Amino acid sequence: RTTQRVLHDLRGHASWIGSIKFNNNSNIVASAGGDRVIRLWNVLSGDCLGILEGHSSRIHCIAFSPDDATILSASSDEMVRIW
């Protein structure tokens, strides 16, 4: 039988979260949603590493590039942003 436990509660968004993605090394998680920001989290510590702001409406989708150097985000503001 496998025991499951919460490793971290990642708090900081001011609204619902609609998209989460691990980077390719699985050491960073990006989250985004109704508050129009992307938050980057350290998987091991649970610390917020940074906040990406620039969309004027909710973010629906985020993705890391294969080399983890770039993040793409798509929003209701009809923009795809490259970070």
N, C-alpha and C. Protein backbone atom coordinates (compact mmCIF):
# COMPACT_ATOMS: atom_id res chain seq x y z
N ARG A 1 0.85 -1.18 0.00
CA ARG A 1 0.00 0.00 0.00
C ARG A 1 0.89 1.24 0.00
N THR A 2 0.56 2.21 -0.83
CA THR A 2 1.32 3.45 -0.94
C THR A 2 0.74 4.51 -0.02
N THR A 3 1.60 5.19 0.70
CA THR A 3 1.18 6.30 1.55
C THR A 3 1.38 7.59 0.79
N GLN A 4 0.34 8.42 0.76
CA GLN A 4 0.41 9.71 0.07
C GLN A 4 0.36 10.83 1.10
N ARG A 5 1.12 11.88 0.80
CA ARG A 5 1.09 13.04 1.68
C ARG A 5 1.36 14.29 0.86
N VAL A 6 0.87 15.41 1.35
CA VAL A 6 1.09 16.69 0.71
C VAL A 6 2.51 17.13 1.02
N LEU A 7 3.27 17.48 -0.03
CA LEU A 7 4.63 17.97 0.16
C LEU A 7 4.65 19.46 0.44
N HIS A 8 3.83 20.23 -0.30
CA HIS A 8 3.79 21.68 -0.15
C HIS A 8 2.41 22.19 -0.56
N ASP A 9 1.96 23.24 0.09
CA ASP A 9 0.81 24.02 -0.36
C ASP A 9 1.38 25.27 -1.02
N LEU A 10 1.14 25.43 -2.29
CA LEU A 10 1.68 26.56 -3.05
C LEU A 10 0.62 27.66 -3.07
N ARG A 11 0.77 28.63 -2.21
CA ARG A 11 -0.22 29.70 -2.05
C ARG A 11 0.32 31.01 -2.59
N GLY A 12 -0.58 31.81 -3.15
CA GLY A 12 -0.19 33.12 -3.62
C GLY A 12 -1.09 33.66 -4.71
N HIS A 13 -1.78 32.78 -5.44
CA HIS A 13 -2.69 33.27 -6.47
C HIS A 13 -3.91 33.92 -5.83
N ALA A 14 -4.42 34.97 -6.47
CA ALA A 14 -5.57 35.70 -5.96
C ALA A 14 -6.89 35.23 -6.56
N SER A 15 -6.84 34.21 -7.42
CA SER A 15 -8.03 33.70 -8.09
C SER A 15 -7.80 32.23 -8.43
N TRP A 16 -8.71 31.65 -9.17
CA TRP A 16 -8.62 30.24 -9.55
C TRP A 16 -7.36 29.97 -10.38
N ILE A 17 -6.92 28.74 -10.35
CA ILE A 17 -5.75 28.30 -11.12
C ILE A 17 -6.25 27.39 -12.23
N GLY A 18 -5.95 27.75 -13.46
CA GLY A 18 -6.47 27.01 -14.60
C GLY A 18 -5.43 26.18 -15.33
N SER A 19 -4.14 26.41 -15.04
CA SER A 19 -3.09 25.68 -15.74
C SER A 19 -1.88 25.52 -14.83
N ILE A 20 -1.34 24.32 -14.79
CA ILE A 20 -0.08 24.06 -14.10
C ILE A 20 0.78 23.16 -14.98
N LYS A 21 2.07 23.40 -14.96
CA LYS A 21 3.01 22.61 -15.77
C LYS A 21 4.33 22.45 -15.03
N PHE A 22 4.86 21.25 -15.06
CA PHE A 22 6.23 21.00 -14.63
C PHE A 22 7.17 21.37 -15.77
N ASN A 23 8.35 21.91 -15.43
CA ASN A 23 9.35 22.07 -16.47
C ASN A 23 9.90 20.69 -16.82
N ASN A 24 10.75 20.61 -17.81
CA ASN A 24 11.23 19.32 -18.31
C ASN A 24 12.11 18.57 -17.33
N ASN A 25 12.72 19.27 -16.39
CA ASN A 25 13.54 18.63 -15.36
C ASN A 25 12.74 18.30 -14.11
N SER A 26 11.48 18.70 -14.09
CA SER A 26 10.56 18.47 -12.96
C SER A 26 11.01 19.12 -11.66
N ASN A 27 11.81 20.18 -11.75
CA ASN A 27 12.23 20.87 -10.53
C ASN A 27 11.54 22.23 -10.34
N ILE A 28 10.78 22.65 -11.35
CA ILE A 28 10.02 23.89 -11.29
C ILE A 28 8.60 23.61 -11.78
N VAL A 29 7.63 24.22 -11.11
CA VAL A 29 6.24 24.17 -11.55
C VAL A 29 5.80 25.60 -11.84
N ALA A 30 5.11 25.79 -12.96
CA ALA A 30 4.50 27.06 -13.28
C ALA A 30 2.99 26.92 -13.10
N SER A 31 2.36 27.95 -12.53
CA SER A 31 0.90 27.94 -12.35
C SER A 31 0.35 29.28 -12.82
N ALA A 32 -0.88 29.24 -13.37
CA ALA A 32 -1.49 30.46 -13.89
C ALA A 32 -3.01 30.31 -13.87
N GLY A 33 -3.70 31.46 -13.96
CA GLY A 33 -5.15 31.39 -13.97
C GLY A 33 -5.82 32.74 -14.00
N GLY A 34 -6.84 32.88 -13.15
CA GLY A 34 -7.72 34.04 -13.17
C GLY A 34 -7.10 35.34 -12.72
N ASP A 35 -6.00 35.29 -12.00
CA ASP A 35 -5.38 36.54 -11.52
C ASP A 35 -4.39 37.15 -12.51
N ARG A 36 -4.27 36.54 -13.70
CA ARG A 36 -3.50 37.08 -14.83
C ARG A 36 -1.99 37.04 -14.63
N VAL A 37 -1.51 36.23 -13.71
CA VAL A 37 -0.06 36.11 -13.50
C VAL A 37 0.36 34.65 -13.57
N ILE A 38 1.62 34.45 -13.89
CA ILE A 38 2.25 33.13 -13.85
C ILE A 38 3.17 33.14 -12.65
N ARG A 39 3.06 32.12 -11.82
CA ARG A 39 3.96 31.97 -10.68
C ARG A 39 4.84 30.75 -10.93
N LEU A 40 6.12 30.90 -10.62
CA LEU A 40 7.09 29.81 -10.75
C LEU A 40 7.46 29.33 -9.36
N TRP A 41 7.41 28.01 -9.15
CA TRP A 41 7.62 27.42 -7.83
C TRP A 41 8.74 26.41 -7.85
N ASN A 42 9.54 26.40 -6.80
CA ASN A 42 10.55 25.36 -6.59
C ASN A 42 9.84 24.13 -6.05
N VAL A 43 9.95 23.02 -6.73
CA VAL A 43 9.24 21.80 -6.35
C VAL A 43 9.73 21.27 -5.00
N LEU A 44 11.02 21.33 -4.75
CA LEU A 44 11.57 20.75 -3.52
C LEU A 44 11.25 21.58 -2.29
N SER A 45 11.35 22.91 -2.40
CA SER A 45 11.14 23.77 -1.23
C SER A 45 9.73 24.34 -1.12
N GLY A 46 9.03 24.44 -2.25
CA GLY A 46 7.72 25.09 -2.27
C GLY A 46 7.80 26.60 -2.37
N ASP A 47 9.01 27.15 -2.48
CA ASP A 47 9.19 28.61 -2.56
C ASP A 47 8.77 29.15 -3.92
N CYS A 48 8.19 30.36 -3.92
CA CYS A 48 7.89 31.06 -5.17
C CYS A 48 9.19 31.65 -5.71
N LEU A 49 9.55 31.29 -6.92
CA LEU A 49 10.79 31.76 -7.54
C LEU A 49 10.62 33.06 -8.32
N GLY A 50 9.38 33.34 -8.71
CA GLY A 50 9.14 34.55 -9.48
C GLY A 50 7.71 34.63 -9.96
N ILE A 51 7.35 35.83 -10.40
CA ILE A 51 6.01 36.10 -10.90
C ILE A 51 6.15 36.79 -12.25
N LEU A 52 5.44 36.29 -13.25
CA LEU A 52 5.43 36.89 -14.58
C LEU A 52 4.09 37.59 -14.77
N GLU A 53 4.12 38.90 -15.00
CA GLU A 53 2.91 39.70 -15.16
C GLU A 53 2.92 40.37 -16.52
N GLY A 54 1.76 40.47 -17.15
CA GLY A 54 1.69 41.15 -18.44
C GLY A 54 0.39 40.92 -19.17
N HIS A 55 -0.32 39.84 -18.88
CA HIS A 55 -1.62 39.62 -19.51
C HIS A 55 -2.66 40.53 -18.87
N SER A 56 -3.65 40.95 -19.66
CA SER A 56 -4.72 41.79 -19.14
C SER A 56 -5.99 41.01 -18.85
N SER A 57 -5.94 39.70 -19.05
CA SER A 57 -7.09 38.85 -18.75
C SER A 57 -6.58 37.49 -18.28
N ARG A 58 -7.50 36.61 -17.89
CA ARG A 58 -7.12 35.32 -17.31
C ARG A 58 -6.28 34.48 -18.27
N ILE A 59 -5.39 33.72 -17.69
CA ILE A 59 -4.49 32.85 -18.44
C ILE A 59 -5.07 31.44 -18.45
N HIS A 60 -5.16 30.85 -19.63
CA HIS A 60 -5.75 29.53 -19.77
C HIS A 60 -4.74 28.40 -19.95
N CYS A 61 -3.57 28.73 -20.49
CA CYS A 61 -2.63 27.67 -20.85
C CYS A 61 -1.20 28.19 -20.73
N ILE A 62 -0.31 27.35 -20.20
CA ILE A 62 1.11 27.67 -20.13
C ILE A 62 1.91 26.44 -20.57
N ALA A 63 3.11 26.68 -21.09
CA ALA A 63 3.98 25.58 -21.52
C ALA A 63 5.43 26.02 -21.44
N PHE A 64 6.30 25.07 -21.12
CA PHE A 64 7.75 25.30 -21.15
C PHE A 64 8.29 24.87 -22.50
N SER A 65 9.32 25.56 -22.98
CA SER A 65 10.03 25.12 -24.18
C SER A 65 10.85 23.88 -23.84
N PRO A 66 11.27 23.10 -24.83
CA PRO A 66 12.03 21.88 -24.56
C PRO A 66 13.31 22.10 -23.74
N ASP A 67 13.93 23.29 -23.88
CA ASP A 67 15.16 23.56 -23.12
C ASP A 67 14.89 24.32 -21.82
N ASP A 68 13.62 24.52 -21.47
CA ASP A 68 13.20 25.22 -20.25
C ASP A 68 13.60 26.69 -20.20
N ALA A 69 14.08 27.25 -21.29
CA ALA A 69 14.53 28.65 -21.29
C ALA A 69 13.38 29.62 -21.53
N THR A 70 12.26 29.12 -22.01
CA THR A 70 11.14 29.97 -22.41
C THR A 70 9.83 29.38 -21.90
N ILE A 71 8.91 30.27 -21.53
CA ILE A 71 7.55 29.86 -21.17
C ILE A 71 6.60 30.57 -22.13
N LEU A 72 5.60 29.86 -22.60
CA LEU A 72 4.54 30.45 -23.41
C LEU A 72 3.26 30.47 -22.59
N SER A 73 2.46 31.50 -22.78
CA SER A 73 1.17 31.60 -22.09
C SER A 73 0.12 32.10 -23.06
N ALA A 74 -1.11 31.58 -22.91
CA ALA A 74 -2.23 32.00 -23.74
C ALA A 74 -3.34 32.49 -22.81
N SER A 75 -3.97 33.61 -23.20
CA SER A 75 -4.90 34.29 -22.31
C SER A 75 -6.17 34.71 -23.05
N SER A 76 -7.20 35.03 -22.27
CA SER A 76 -8.44 35.58 -22.82
C SER A 76 -8.23 36.96 -23.43
N ASP A 77 -7.08 37.58 -23.21
CA ASP A 77 -6.80 38.87 -23.84
C ASP A 77 -6.38 38.71 -25.31
N GLU A 78 -6.54 37.48 -25.81
CA GLU A 78 -6.26 37.12 -27.20
C GLU A 78 -4.78 37.26 -27.55
N MET A 79 -3.93 37.03 -26.57
CA MET A 79 -2.48 37.11 -26.75
C MET A 79 -1.83 35.80 -26.34
N VAL A 80 -0.82 35.43 -27.10
CA VAL A 80 0.13 34.41 -26.66
C VAL A 80 1.41 35.17 -26.36
N ARG A 81 1.91 34.99 -25.16
CA ARG A 81 3.13 35.68 -24.76
C ARG A 81 4.26 34.67 -24.64
N ILE A 82 5.44 35.11 -25.01
CA ILE A 82 6.67 34.32 -24.86
C ILE A 82 7.51 35.01 -23.81
N TRP A 83 7.84 34.29 -22.77
CA TRP A 83 8.58 34.83 -21.63
C TRP A 83 10.00 34.28 -21.62
